[in-house]
Amino acid sequence: MRPIVIPILLLALTSACGTLPQPFRGNPGAEARRLAAPPAYRLAVPAPEEAMLTDNGAGTLAVALATALEGAEVPAVPGTPTPLDWRLLIKAEQDGGNIRPRYVLTDADGRELGVTAGPPVPLRAWGEEQEVTINAVAASAAPLISTMLARADAARRFADPDSMRAGGAPRLRLMPVRGAPGDGNLALTAKLSEFLPREGFQLQDIADGAAFAVEGVVRVARDRESPREDQADIQFIVTRRDGIELGRVAFVNNVPTGSLNGLWGDVAYVIAQTAAPGIKQVISTAGGFSAGGQQAPGSPPNAPAEAAAAPTANPTPNPTPTSRALRPPPVPAR
């Protein structure tokens, strides 16, 4: 419980200051002011596909650029974006004997927020993909991208004043379920759309303004130990705006082979009915609800809970607050 106890102790010490000099009162300094209004995004830097690089070079550039941006105090990560991440797309254009890298910033819904270009790089050096060259490209691009991000975030805040206010039902982006056979994707998504609002969420299918996201992934495969059964693994992955995975609500069950290849019907109903309160529990543990059931003041992107620090990817016999192993009733044979 250390992350919770330490802030309480610090508040107690501060309240005992009495008439002692308090030189930082009302003047927290630049760092504290920056932390008081953290960025409302996390920036994902996927390996570029249009940068005239090999797969290895593209991956190296994504990692180098994310590292350079972190050094510029930008919350950036290389790799595949999560549902609420902003994205930095890297492209390259040949200009005579040089390559000109371009950086396109988009929000999580794919809307373009800005474009900037880095300094030219000799064509030969770009093609050799040497680490020193890639690091230099990343270092020169980081301040340009940081400025572009600051402008885009300021414009977003100005255009959407509600994004700066707390309260109200937590806004949750429900991603379409994927991977299910039959009509499982549509059925599970539709039933979740019914049950999640009953748990106090305001649902939306776009990223803009959402504090949390839920992504459903289904895997159905033949059970090796029981050839007449399939193993169905259904997971609802809960993330917050800065990309942190808060936990998963998981269903694992054996079903008769092929029984999920058609209409899901009551199966989707039971799963969604059980998953919705589990998703609420995961978000509540991370501070997404106040005592009154509304979105907690100061929640995402700035509401980590101790339990959210270690989400569990696989179902466990003794579920934690961020990972529930739930087994729906057996699916009847069709």
C-alpha atoms as a PDB file:
ATOM      1  CA  MET A   1       0.000   0.000   0.000  1.00  0.00           C
ATOM      2  CA  ARG A   2       3.048   2.275  -0.131  1.00  0.00           C
ATOM      3  CA  PRO A   3       1.820   4.390  -3.071  1.00  0.00           C
ATOM      4  CA  ILE A   4      -1.281   5.270  -1.017  1.00  0.00           C
ATOM      5  CA  VAL A   5       0.338   5.766   2.417  1.00  0.00           C
ATOM      6  CA  ILE A   6       3.125   8.116   1.304  1.00  0.00           C
ATOM      7  CA  PRO A   7       0.831  10.852  -0.097  1.00  0.00           C
ATOM      8  CA  ILE A   8      -1.230  10.773   3.111  1.00  0.00           C
ATOM      9  CA  LEU A   9       1.891  11.264   5.225  1.00  0.00           C
ATOM     10  CA  LEU A  10       3.048  14.129   3.062  1.00  0.00           C
ATOM     11  CA  LEU A  11      -0.294  15.879   3.427  1.00  0.00           C
ATOM     12  CA  ALA A  12      -0.133  15.474   7.186  1.00  0.00           C
ATOM     13  CA  LEU A  13       3.328  17.018   7.332  1.00  0.00           C
ATOM     14  CA  THR A  14       2.285  19.941   5.153  1.00  0.00           C
ATOM     15  CA  SER A  15      -0.676  20.751   7.347  1.00  0.00           C
ATOM     16  CA  ALA A  16       1.664  21.085  10.333  1.00  0.00           C
ATOM     17  CA  CYS A  17       3.709  23.914   8.810  1.00  0.00           C
ATOM     18  CA  GLY A  18       1.937  26.610  10.818  1.00  0.00           C
ATOM     19  CA  THR A  19       3.599  29.994  10.406  1.00  0.00           C
ATOM     20  CA  LEU A  20       6.854  28.644   9.026  1.00  0.00           C
ATOM     21  CA  PRO A  21       8.054  30.220   5.743  1.00  0.00           C
ATOM     22  CA  GLN A  22       6.420  28.621   2.707  1.00  0.00           C
ATOM     23  CA  PRO A  23       8.386  29.992  -0.264  1.00  0.00           C
ATOM     24  CA  PHE A  24       6.787  27.633  -2.797  1.00  0.00           C
ATOM     25  CA  ARG A  25       3.180  28.330  -1.829  1.00  0.00           C
ATOM     26  CA  GLY A  26       1.421  29.609  -4.930  1.00  0.00           C
ATOM     27  CA  ASN A  27       4.642  29.298  -6.934  1.00  0.00           C
ATOM     28  CA  PRO A  28       5.191  25.606  -7.586  1.00  0.00           C
ATOM     29  CA  GLY A  29       7.759  26.045 -10.331  1.00  0.00           C
ATOM     30  CA  ALA A  30       7.747  24.952 -13.950  1.00  0.00           C
ATOM     31  CA  GLU A  31       7.990  21.215 -13.277  1.00  0.00           C
ATOM     32  CA  ALA A  32       5.076  21.191 -10.840  1.00  0.00           C
ATOM     33  CA  ARG A  33       2.952  23.289 -13.192  1.00  0.00           C
ATOM     34  CA  ARG A  34       3.666  20.832 -15.990  1.00  0.00           C
ATOM     35  CA  LEU A  35       2.682  17.867 -13.794  1.00  0.00           C
ATOM     36  CA  ALA A  36      -0.496  19.640 -12.663  1.00  0.00           C
ATOM     37  CA  ALA A  37      -1.829  19.515 -16.233  1.00  0.00           C
ATOM     38  CA  PRO A  38      -0.385  16.315 -17.733  1.00  0.00           C
ATOM     39  CA  PRO A  39      -0.795  15.537 -21.428  1.00  0.00           C
ATOM     40  CA  ALA A  40      -4.167  14.051 -22.267  1.00  0.00           C
ATOM     41  CA  TYR A  41      -2.621  11.530 -24.625  1.00  0.00           C
ATOM     42  CA  ARG A  42       0.006   8.866 -25.055  1.00  0.00           C
ATOM     43  CA  LEU A  43       1.824   8.863 -28.372  1.00  0.00           C
ATOM     44  CA  ALA A  44       2.410   5.550 -30.131  1.00  0.00           C
ATOM     45  CA  VAL A  45       5.174   5.345 -32.737  1.00  0.00           C
ATOM     46  CA  PRO A  46       4.522   2.286 -34.933  1.00  0.00           C
ATOM     47  CA  ALA A  47       7.238   0.967 -37.231  1.00  0.00           C
ATOM     48  CA  PRO A  48       6.791   2.952 -40.470  1.00  0.00           C
ATOM     49  CA  GLU A  49       5.675   1.261 -43.670  1.00  0.00           C
ATOM     50  CA  GLU A  50       6.305   4.203 -45.995  1.00  0.00           C
ATOM     51  CA  ALA A  51       9.764   5.288 -44.893  1.00  0.00           C
ATOM     52  CA  MET A  52      11.870   3.498 -47.541  1.00  0.00           C
ATOM     53  CA  LEU A  53      13.434   1.282 -44.861  1.00  0.00           C
ATOM     54  CA  THR A  54      13.662  -2.452 -44.261  1.00  0.00           C
ATOM     55  CA  ASP A  55      11.550  -3.951 -41.482  1.00  0.00           C
ATOM     56  CA  ASN A  56      14.585  -3.936 -39.216  1.00  0.00           C
ATOM     57  CA  GLY A  57      15.409  -0.313 -39.995  1.00  0.00           C
ATOM     58  CA  ALA A  58      11.790   0.747 -39.539  1.00  0.00           C
ATOM     59  CA  GLY A  59      11.600  -0.885 -36.122  1.00  0.00           C
ATOM     60  CA  THR A  60      14.896   0.669 -35.061  1.00  0.00           C
ATOM     61  CA  LEU A  61      13.701   4.117 -36.121  1.00  0.00           C
ATOM     62  CA  ALA A  62      10.424   3.755 -34.192  1.00  0.00           C
ATOM     63  CA  VAL A  63      12.288   2.785 -31.010  1.00  0.00           C
ATOM     64  CA  ALA A  64      14.872   5.558 -31.421  1.00  0.00           C
ATOM     65  CA  LEU A  65      12.218   8.193 -32.035  1.00  0.00           C
ATOM     66  CA  ALA A  66      10.096   7.105 -29.056  1.00  0.00           C
ATOM     67  CA  THR A  67      13.207   7.199 -26.863  1.00  0.00           C
ATOM     68  CA  ALA A  68      14.149  10.680 -28.077  1.00  0.00           C
ATOM     69  CA  LEU A  69      10.589  11.913 -27.453  1.00  0.00           C
ATOM     70  CA  GLU A  70      10.641  10.519 -23.934  1.00  0.00           C
ATOM     71  CA  GLY A  71      13.782  12.570 -23.371  1.00  0.00           C
ATOM     72  CA  ALA A  72      11.749  15.609 -24.472  1.00  0.00           C
ATOM     73  CA  GLU A  73       9.094  14.728 -21.838  1.00  0.00           C
ATOM     74  CA  VAL A  74       6.621  13.376 -24.384  1.00  0.00           C
ATOM     75  CA  PRO A  75       4.783  10.195 -23.261  1.00  0.00           C
ATOM     76  CA  ALA A  76       5.771   8.111 -26.284  1.00  0.00           C
ATOM     77  CA  VAL A  77       6.072   4.364 -26.838  1.00  0.00           C
ATOM     78  CA  PRO A  78       7.149   2.364 -29.889  1.00  0.00           C
ATOM     79  CA  GLY A  79       4.903  -0.279 -31.373  1.00  0.00           C
ATOM     80  CA  THR A  80       1.240  -0.948 -32.031  1.00  0.00           C
ATOM     81  CA  PRO A  81      -1.135   1.737 -30.677  1.00  0.00           C
ATOM     82  CA  THR A  82      -3.755   0.977 -28.047  1.00  0.00           C
ATOM     83  CA  PRO A  83      -7.322   2.159 -28.735  1.00  0.00           C
ATOM     84  CA  LEU A  84      -6.873   5.650 -27.206  1.00  0.00           C
ATOM     85  CA  ASP A  85      -3.323   6.426 -28.320  1.00  0.00           C
ATOM     86  CA  TRP A  86      -2.404   9.289 -30.576  1.00  0.00           C
ATOM     87  CA  ARG A  87      -0.163   8.063 -33.404  1.00  0.00           C
ATOM     88  CA  LEU A  88       2.963   9.366 -35.084  1.00  0.00           C
ATOM     89  CA  LEU A  89       3.244   8.145 -38.665  1.00  0.00           C
ATOM     90  CA  ILE A  90       6.698   8.324 -40.238  1.00  0.00           C
ATOM     91  CA  LYS A  91       7.034   8.755 -43.972  1.00  0.00           C
ATOM     92  CA  ALA A  92       9.970   9.486 -46.262  1.00  0.00           C
ATOM     93  CA  GLU A  93      10.218  11.314 -49.579  1.00  0.00           C
ATOM     94  CA  GLN A  94      13.176  11.401 -51.910  1.00  0.00           C
ATOM     95  CA  ASP A  95      14.386  14.874 -52.828  1.00  0.00           C
ATOM     96  CA  GLY A  96      17.290  14.606 -55.278  1.00  0.00           C
ATOM     97  CA  GLY A  97      20.157  12.936 -53.463  1.00  0.00           C
ATOM     98  CA  ASN A  98      18.451  13.264 -50.067  1.00  0.00           C
ATOM     99  CA  ILE A  99      15.649  11.713 -48.084  1.00  0.00           C
ATOM    100  CA  ARG A 100      13.281  14.059 -46.286  1.00  0.00           C
ATOM    101  CA  PRO A 101      11.507  12.385 -43.326  1.00  0.00           C
ATOM    102  CA  ARG A 102       7.951  13.572 -42.607  1.00  0.00           C
ATOM    103  CA  TYR A 103       6.029  13.076 -39.383  1.00  0.00           C
ATOM    104  CA  VAL A 104       2.244  12.994 -39.402  1.00  0.00           C
ATOM    105  CA  LEU A 105       0.398  13.295 -36.082  1.00  0.00           C
ATOM    106  CA  THR A 106      -3.081  11.794 -35.818  1.00  0.00           C
ATOM    107  CA  ASP A 107      -5.483  11.250 -32.977  1.00  0.00           C
ATOM    108  CA  ALA A 108      -6.810   7.814 -32.061  1.00  0.00           C
ATOM    109  CA  ASP A 109      -9.608   8.164 -34.611  1.00  0.00           C
ATOM    110  CA  GLY A 110      -7.167   8.822 -37.453  1.00  0.00           C
ATOM    111  CA  ARG A 111      -7.811  12.561 -37.742  1.00  0.00           C
ATOM    112  CA  GLU A 112      -4.706  14.449 -38.812  1.00  0.00           C
ATOM    113  CA  LEU A 113      -3.543  16.933 -36.167  1.00  0.00           C
ATOM    114  CA  GLY A 114      -0.322  18.171 -37.722  1.00  0.00           C
ATOM    115  CA  VAL A 115       2.586  17.488 -40.050  1.00  0.00           C
ATOM    116  CA  THR A 116       6.240  18.401 -39.739  1.00  0.00           C
ATOM    117  CA  ALA A 117       9.392  17.524 -41.681  1.00  0.00           C
ATOM    118  CA  GLY A 118      12.837  16.730 -40.366  1.00  0.00           C
ATOM    119  CA  PRO A 119      16.189  17.786 -41.801  1.00  0.00           C
ATOM    120  CA  PRO A 120      17.242  16.039 -45.045  1.00  0.00           C
ATOM    121  CA  VAL A 121      19.392  12.930 -44.825  1.00  0.00           C
ATOM    122  CA  PRO A 122      21.743  11.796 -47.614  1.00  0.00           C
ATOM    123  CA  LEU A 123      20.134   9.008 -49.604  1.00  0.00           C
ATOM    124  CA  ARG A 124      23.077   6.679 -49.147  1.00  0.00           C
ATOM    125  CA  ALA A 125      23.211   7.179 -45.376  1.00  0.00           C
ATOM    126  CA  TRP A 126      19.467   6.578 -45.107  1.00  0.00           C
ATOM    127  CA  GLY A 127      19.724   3.369 -47.104  1.00  0.00           C
ATOM    128  CA  GLU A 128      22.578   2.001 -44.973  1.00  0.00           C
ATOM    129  CA  GLU A 129      20.350   2.188 -41.859  1.00  0.00           C
ATOM    130  CA  GLN A 130      23.275   2.665 -39.514  1.00  0.00           C
ATOM    131  CA  GLU A 131      22.304   3.114 -35.873  1.00  0.00           C
ATOM    132  CA  VAL A 132      24.236   6.390 -35.583  1.00  0.00           C
ATOM    133  CA  THR A 133      22.274   7.838 -38.516  1.00  0.00           C
ATOM    134  CA  ILE A 134      18.910   6.682 -37.168  1.00  0.00           C
ATOM    135  CA  ASN A 135      19.670   8.110 -33.716  1.00  0.00           C
ATOM    136  CA  ALA A 136      20.651  11.429 -35.286  1.00  0.00           C
ATOM    137  CA  VAL A 137      17.394  11.516 -37.271  1.00  0.00           C
ATOM    138  CA  ALA A 138      15.416  10.842 -34.094  1.00  0.00           C
ATOM    139  CA  ALA A 139      17.303  13.475 -32.094  1.00  0.00           C
ATOM    140  CA  SER A 140      16.697  16.160 -34.708  1.00  0.00           C
ATOM    141  CA  ALA A 141      13.009  15.258 -35.048  1.00  0.00           C
ATOM    142  CA  ALA A 142      12.113  15.135 -31.331  1.00  0.00           C
ATOM    143  CA  PRO A 143      11.931  18.908 -30.674  1.00  0.00           C
ATOM    144  CA  LEU A 144       9.947  19.478 -33.875  1.00  0.00           C
ATOM    145  CA  ILE A 145       7.437  16.779 -32.954  1.00  0.00           C
ATOM    146  CA  SER A 146       7.244  17.999 -29.355  1.00  0.00           C
ATOM    147  CA  THR A 147       6.275  21.477 -30.563  1.00  0.00           C
ATOM    148  CA  MET A 148       3.694  20.029 -32.948  1.00  0.00           C
ATOM    149  CA  LEU A 149       2.203  17.959 -30.125  1.00  0.00           C
ATOM    150  CA  ALA A 150       1.978  20.938 -27.785  1.00  0.00           C
ATOM    151  CA  ARG A 151       0.115  22.951 -30.375  1.00  0.00           C
ATOM    152  CA  ALA A 152      -2.270  20.104 -31.174  1.00  0.00           C
ATOM    153  CA  ASP A 153      -3.011  19.466 -27.495  1.00  0.00           C
ATOM    154  CA  ALA A 154      -3.609  23.166 -26.841  1.00  0.00           C
ATOM    155  CA  ALA A 155      -6.009  23.320 -29.782  1.00  0.00           C
ATOM    156  CA  ARG A 156      -7.861  20.244 -28.513  1.00  0.00           C
ATOM    157  CA  ARG A 157      -8.245  21.711 -25.031  1.00  0.00           C
ATOM    158  CA  PHE A 158      -9.509  25.019 -26.413  1.00  0.00           C
ATOM    159  CA  ALA A 159     -11.988  23.318 -28.724  1.00  0.00           C
ATOM    160  CA  ASP A 160     -13.285  20.891 -26.070  1.00  0.00           C
ATOM    161  CA  PRO A 161     -13.569  22.642 -22.684  1.00  0.00           C
ATOM    162  CA  ASP A 162     -15.506  19.661 -21.317  1.00  0.00           C
ATOM    163  CA  SER A 163     -12.294  17.632 -21.551  1.00  0.00           C
ATOM    164  CA  MET A 164     -10.894  19.748 -18.711  1.00  0.00           C
ATOM    165  CA  ARG A 165     -13.824  19.190 -16.378  1.00  0.00           C
ATOM    166  CA  ALA A 166     -14.310  16.221 -14.113  1.00  0.00           C
ATOM    167  CA  GLY A 167     -17.600  14.611 -13.183  1.00  0.00           C
ATOM    168  CA  GLY A 168     -20.354  12.850 -15.015  1.00  0.00           C
ATOM    169  CA  ALA A 169     -20.438   9.238 -16.131  1.00  0.00           C
ATOM    170  CA  PRO A 170     -17.025   7.908 -17.228  1.00  0.00           C
ATOM    171  CA  ARG A 171     -16.791   8.015 -21.007  1.00  0.00           C
ATOM    172  CA  LEU A 172     -15.840   4.599 -22.319  1.00  0.00           C
ATOM    173  CA  ARG A 173     -14.841   3.734 -25.872  1.00  0.00           C
ATOM    174  CA  LEU A 174     -16.241   0.331 -26.786  1.00  0.00           C
ATOM    175  CA  MET A 175     -14.181  -1.232 -29.543  1.00  0.00           C
ATOM    176  CA  PRO A 176     -15.877  -3.813 -31.786  1.00  0.00           C
ATOM    177  CA  VAL A 177     -15.199  -7.329 -30.547  1.00  0.00           C
ATOM    178  CA  ARG A 178     -12.901  -9.252 -32.886  1.00  0.00           C
ATOM    179  CA  GLY A 179     -11.844 -12.820 -33.509  1.00  0.00           C
ATOM    180  CA  ALA A 180     -15.111 -14.627 -32.809  1.00  0.00           C
ATOM    181  CA  PRO A 181     -16.596 -17.159 -35.227  1.00  0.00           C
ATOM    182  CA  GLY A 182     -20.215 -16.949 -36.382  1.00  0.00           C
ATOM    183  CA  ASP A 183     -21.950 -13.728 -35.411  1.00  0.00           C
ATOM    184  CA  GLY A 184     -20.008 -13.540 -32.139  1.00  0.00           C
ATOM    185  CA  ASN A 185     -18.307 -10.219 -32.859  1.00  0.00           C
ATOM    186  CA  LEU A 186     -21.584  -8.433 -33.585  1.00  0.00           C
ATOM    187  CA  ALA A 187     -23.551 -10.180 -30.840  1.00  0.00           C
ATOM    188  CA  LEU A 188     -21.024  -9.549 -28.059  1.00  0.00           C
ATOM    189  CA  THR A 189     -20.543  -5.900 -29.063  1.00  0.00           C
ATOM    190  CA  ALA A 190     -24.307  -5.340 -29.184  1.00  0.00           C
ATOM    191  CA  LYS A 191     -24.935  -6.939 -25.796  1.00  0.00           C
ATOM    192  CA  LEU A 192     -22.076  -5.033 -24.157  1.00  0.00           C
ATOM    193  CA  SER A 193     -23.672  -1.867 -25.530  1.00  0.00           C
ATOM    194  CA  GLU A 194     -26.779  -2.822 -23.559  1.00  0.00           C
ATOM    195  CA  PHE A 195     -25.179  -3.741 -20.255  1.00  0.00           C
ATOM    196  CA  LEU A 196     -22.299  -1.253 -19.853  1.00  0.00           C
ATOM    197  CA  PRO A 197     -24.579   1.824 -19.622  1.00  0.00           C
ATOM    198  CA  ARG A 198     -26.409   0.064 -16.790  1.00  0.00           C
ATOM    199  CA  GLU A 199     -23.099   0.069 -14.898  1.00  0.00           C
ATOM    200  CA  GLY A 200     -22.842   3.852 -15.168  1.00  0.00           C
ATOM    201  CA  PHE A 201     -20.761   4.303 -18.338  1.00  0.00           C
ATOM    202  CA  GLN A 202     -21.310   6.739 -21.159  1.00  0.00           C
ATOM    203  CA  LEU A 203     -20.447   4.719 -24.269  1.00  0.00           C
ATOM    204  CA  GLN A 204     -18.940   6.038 -27.486  1.00  0.00           C
ATOM    205  CA  ASP A 205     -17.346   4.421 -30.522  1.00  0.00           C
ATOM    206  CA  ILE A 206     -14.688   7.099 -31.093  1.00  0.00           C
ATOM    207  CA  ALA A 207     -11.615   7.892 -29.010  1.00  0.00           C
ATOM    208  CA  ASP A 208     -12.076  11.661 -28.663  1.00  0.00           C
ATOM    209  CA  GLY A 209     -13.004  12.486 -25.071  1.00  0.00           C
ATOM    210  CA  ALA A 210     -12.982   8.885 -23.814  1.00  0.00           C
ATOM    211  CA  ALA A 211     -11.302   8.239 -20.475  1.00  0.00           C
ATOM    212  CA  PHE A 212     -11.158   4.466 -20.896  1.00  0.00           C
ATOM    213  CA  ALA A 213     -11.416   1.845 -23.634  1.00  0.00           C
ATOM    214  CA  VAL A 214     -12.571  -1.774 -23.723  1.00  0.00           C
ATOM    215  CA  GLU A 215     -11.365  -4.114 -26.443  1.00  0.00           C
ATOM    216  CA  GLY A 216     -12.835  -7.605 -26.770  1.00  0.00           C
ATOM    217  CA  VAL A 217     -10.716 -10.409 -28.241  1.00  0.00           C
ATOM    218  CA  VAL A 218     -12.015 -13.937 -28.857  1.00  0.00           C
ATOM    219  CA  ARG A 219      -9.997 -17.047 -29.643  1.00  0.00           C
ATOM    220  CA  VAL A 220     -11.680 -20.379 -30.340  1.00  0.00           C
ATOM    221  CA  ALA A 221      -9.474 -23.403 -31.028  1.00  0.00           C
ATOM    222  CA  ARG A 222      -9.760 -27.187 -30.908  1.00  0.00           C
ATOM    223  CA  ASP A 223      -8.952 -28.544 -27.461  1.00  0.00           C
ATOM    224  CA  ARG A 224      -5.944 -30.860 -27.756  1.00  0.00           C
ATOM    225  CA  GLU A 225      -7.081 -33.057 -24.878  1.00  0.00           C
ATOM    226  CA  SER A 226     -10.696 -33.299 -25.974  1.00  0.00           C
ATOM    227  CA  PRO A 227     -11.133 -33.614 -29.766  1.00  0.00           C
ATOM    228  CA  ARG A 228     -14.907 -33.172 -29.505  1.00  0.00           C
ATOM    229  CA  GLU A 229     -14.584 -29.785 -27.806  1.00  0.00           C
ATOM    230  CA  ASP A 230     -13.312 -26.315 -28.623  1.00  0.00           C
ATOM    231  CA  GLN A 231     -11.693 -24.055 -26.056  1.00  0.00           C
ATOM    232  CA  ALA A 232     -13.194 -20.555 -26.094  1.00  0.00           C
ATOM    233  CA  ASP A 233     -11.020 -17.798 -24.632  1.00  0.00           C
ATOM    234  CA  ILE A 234     -12.827 -14.436 -24.445  1.00  0.00           C
ATOM    235  CA  GLN A 235     -11.016 -11.435 -22.988  1.00  0.00           C
ATOM    236  CA  PHE A 236     -12.155  -7.858 -22.483  1.00  0.00           C
ATOM    237  CA  ILE A 237      -9.052  -5.680 -22.144  1.00  0.00           C
ATOM    238  CA  VAL A 238      -9.492  -2.396 -20.252  1.00  0.00           C
ATOM    239  CA  THR A 239      -7.069   0.469 -20.923  1.00  0.00           C
ATOM    240  CA  ARG A 240      -6.987   4.114 -19.956  1.00  0.00           C
ATOM    241  CA  ARG A 241      -6.108   7.163 -22.043  1.00  0.00           C
ATOM    242  CA  ASP A 242      -2.349   7.046 -21.436  1.00  0.00           C
ATOM    243  CA  GLY A 243      -2.173   3.460 -22.733  1.00  0.00           C
ATOM    244  CA  ILE A 244      -1.848   1.698 -19.385  1.00  0.00           C
ATOM    245  CA  GLU A 245      -3.684  -1.623 -19.288  1.00  0.00           C
ATOM    246  CA  LEU A 246      -5.799  -1.666 -16.146  1.00  0.00           C
ATOM    247  CA  GLY A 247      -6.895  -5.288 -16.321  1.00  0.00           C
ATOM    248  CA  ARG A 248      -8.873  -7.945 -18.163  1.00  0.00           C
ATOM    249  CA  VAL A 249     -12.178  -9.664 -17.675  1.00  0.00           C
ATOM    250  CA  ALA A 250     -11.661 -13.174 -19.017  1.00  0.00           C
ATOM    251  CA  PHE A 251     -13.913 -16.115 -19.843  1.00  0.00           C
ATOM    252  CA  VAL A 252     -12.414 -19.545 -20.516  1.00  0.00           C
ATOM    253  CA  ASN A 253     -14.630 -22.496 -21.257  1.00  0.00           C
ATOM    254  CA  ASN A 254     -14.796 -25.687 -23.294  1.00  0.00           C
ATOM    255  CA  VAL A 255     -17.739 -25.960 -25.683  1.00  0.00           C
ATOM    256  CA  PRO A 256     -18.871 -28.624 -28.165  1.00  0.00           C
ATOM    257  CA  THR A 257     -16.872 -28.427 -31.377  1.00  0.00           C
ATOM    258  CA  GLY A 258     -18.366 -25.959 -33.852  1.00  0.00           C
ATOM    259  CA  SER A 259     -21.126 -24.799 -31.486  1.00  0.00           C
ATOM    260  CA  LEU A 260     -19.977 -21.168 -31.748  1.00  0.00           C
ATOM    261  CA  ASN A 261     -19.845 -21.103 -35.541  1.00  0.00           C
ATOM    262  CA  GLY A 262     -23.389 -19.818 -35.915  1.00  0.00           C
ATOM    263  CA  LEU A 263     -25.629 -17.550 -33.846  1.00  0.00           C
ATOM    264  CA  TRP A 264     -24.411 -16.755 -30.337  1.00  0.00           C
ATOM    265  CA  GLY A 265     -27.792 -15.656 -28.945  1.00  0.00           C
ATOM    266  CA  ASP A 266     -28.073 -16.397 -25.205  1.00  0.00           C
ATOM    267  CA  VAL A 267     -24.340 -17.073 -24.954  1.00  0.00           C
ATOM    268  CA  ALA A 268     -23.522 -13.458 -25.886  1.00  0.00           C
ATOM    269  CA  TYR A 269     -26.195 -12.262 -23.453  1.00  0.00           C
ATOM    270  CA  VAL A 270     -24.764 -14.199 -20.504  1.00  0.00           C
ATOM    271  CA  ILE A 271     -21.171 -13.197 -21.257  1.00  0.00           C
ATOM    272  CA  ALA A 272     -21.981  -9.495 -21.627  1.00  0.00           C
ATOM    273  CA  GLN A 273     -24.207  -9.485 -18.550  1.00  0.00           C
ATOM    274  CA  THR A 274     -21.359 -10.929 -16.482  1.00  0.00           C
ATOM    275  CA  ALA A 275     -18.564  -8.933 -18.115  1.00  0.00           C
ATOM    276  CA  ALA A 276     -20.095  -5.477 -17.623  1.00  0.00           C
ATOM    277  CA  PRO A 277     -19.816  -5.405 -13.797  1.00  0.00           C
ATOM    278  CA  GLY A 278     -16.345  -6.941 -14.100  1.00  0.00           C
ATOM    279  CA  ILE A 279     -15.250  -4.091 -16.363  1.00  0.00           C
ATOM    280  CA  LYS A 280     -16.703  -1.621 -13.866  1.00  0.00           C
ATOM    281  CA  GLN A 281     -14.744  -3.282 -11.049  1.00  0.00           C
ATOM    282  CA  VAL A 282     -11.480  -2.959 -13.001  1.00  0.00           C
ATOM    283  CA  ILE A 283     -12.087   0.756 -13.675  1.00  0.00           C
ATOM    284  CA  SER A 284     -13.291   1.413 -10.118  1.00  0.00           C
ATOM    285  CA  THR A 285     -10.105  -0.140  -8.729  1.00  0.00           C
ATOM    286  CA  ALA A 286      -8.117   2.307 -10.858  1.00  0.00           C
ATOM    287  CA  GLY A 287     -10.058   5.282  -9.468  1.00  0.00           C
ATOM    288  CA  GLY A 288     -12.441   5.762 -12.370  1.00  0.00           C
ATOM    289  CA  PHE A 289     -15.517   6.132 -10.133  1.00  0.00           C
ATOM    290  CA  SER A 290     -16.052   8.324  -7.086  1.00  0.00           C
ATOM    291  CA  ALA A 291     -17.967   7.112  -4.071  1.00  0.00           C
ATOM    292  CA  GLY A 292     -21.180   8.301  -5.695  1.00  0.00           C
ATOM    293  CA  GLY A 293     -20.597   6.186  -8.794  1.00  0.00           C
ATOM    294  CA  GLN A 294     -19.608   9.089 -11.040  1.00  0.00           C
ATOM    295  CA  GLN A 295     -16.283   9.697 -12.740  1.00  0.00           C
ATOM    296  CA  ALA A 296     -13.771  10.567 -10.065  1.00  0.00           C
ATOM    297  CA  PRO A 297     -12.348  14.100 -10.115  1.00  0.00           C
ATOM    298  CA  GLY A 298      -8.847  14.057 -11.523  1.00  0.00           C
ATOM    299  CA  SER A 299      -9.320  10.635 -13.074  1.00  0.00           C
ATOM    300  CA  PRO A 300      -7.693   9.724 -16.408  1.00  0.00           C
ATOM    301  CA  PRO A 301      -5.233  10.368 -17.650  1.00  0.00           C
ATOM    302  CA  ASN A 302      -3.966  10.817 -14.102  1.00  0.00           C
ATOM    303  CA  ALA A 303      -5.670   8.162 -11.991  1.00  0.00           C
ATOM    304  CA  PRO A 304      -3.430   5.132 -11.474  1.00  0.00           C
ATOM    305  CA  ALA A 305      -4.376   2.757  -8.712  1.00  0.00           C
ATOM    306  CA  GLU A 306      -2.001   0.399  -6.982  1.00  0.00           C
ATOM    307  CA  ALA A 307      -3.826  -2.614  -8.405  1.00  0.00           C
ATOM    308  CA  ALA A 308      -3.535  -1.189 -11.917  1.00  0.00           C
ATOM    309  CA  ALA A 309       0.227  -1.431 -11.874  1.00  0.00           C
ATOM    310  CA  ALA A 310       0.278  -5.151 -12.533  1.00  0.00           C
ATOM    311  CA  PRO A 311      -2.505  -6.319 -14.839  1.00  0.00           C
ATOM    312  CA  THR A 312      -2.708 -10.056 -15.276  1.00  0.00           C
ATOM    313  CA  ALA A 313      -2.840 -11.313 -18.842  1.00  0.00           C
ATOM    314  CA  ASN A 314      -4.114 -14.819 -18.094  1.00  0.00           C
ATOM    315  CA  PRO A 315      -7.106 -15.960 -16.041  1.00  0.00           C
ATOM    316  CA  THR A 316      -6.174 -17.231 -12.575  1.00  0.00           C
ATOM    317  CA  PRO A 317      -7.994 -19.486 -10.095  1.00  0.00           C
ATOM    318  CA  ASN A 318      -7.997 -16.635  -7.540  1.00  0.00           C
ATOM    319  CA  PRO A 319      -8.866 -13.525  -9.543  1.00  0.00           C
ATOM    320  CA  THR A 320      -7.335 -10.161  -8.626  1.00  0.00           C
ATOM    321  CA  PRO A 321      -9.233  -6.844  -8.889  1.00  0.00           C
ATOM    322  CA  THR A 322      -7.753  -6.322 -12.348  1.00  0.00           C
ATOM    323  CA  SER A 323      -8.111  -9.833 -13.714  1.00  0.00           C
ATOM    324  CA  ARG A 324     -11.249 -11.846 -13.218  1.00  0.00           C
ATOM    325  CA  ALA A 325     -11.484 -15.454 -14.278  1.00  0.00           C
ATOM    326  CA  LEU A 326     -15.124 -15.910 -15.161  1.00  0.00           C
ATOM    327  CA  ARG A 327     -16.683 -19.048 -16.553  1.00  0.00           C
ATOM    328  CA  PRO A 328     -20.079 -18.674 -18.204  1.00  0.00           C
ATOM    329  CA  PRO A 329     -22.519 -21.575 -18.250  1.00  0.00           C
ATOM    330  CA  PRO A 330     -21.575 -24.317 -20.721  1.00  0.00           C
ATOM    331  CA  VAL A 331     -22.693 -23.556 -24.252  1.00  0.00           C
ATOM    332  CA  PRO A 332     -25.384 -25.988 -25.379  1.00  0.00           C
ATOM    333  CA  ALA A 333     -24.739 -28.022 -28.487  1.00  0.00           C
ATOM    334  CA  ARG A 334     -26.472 -26.711 -31.616  1.00  0.00           C
END
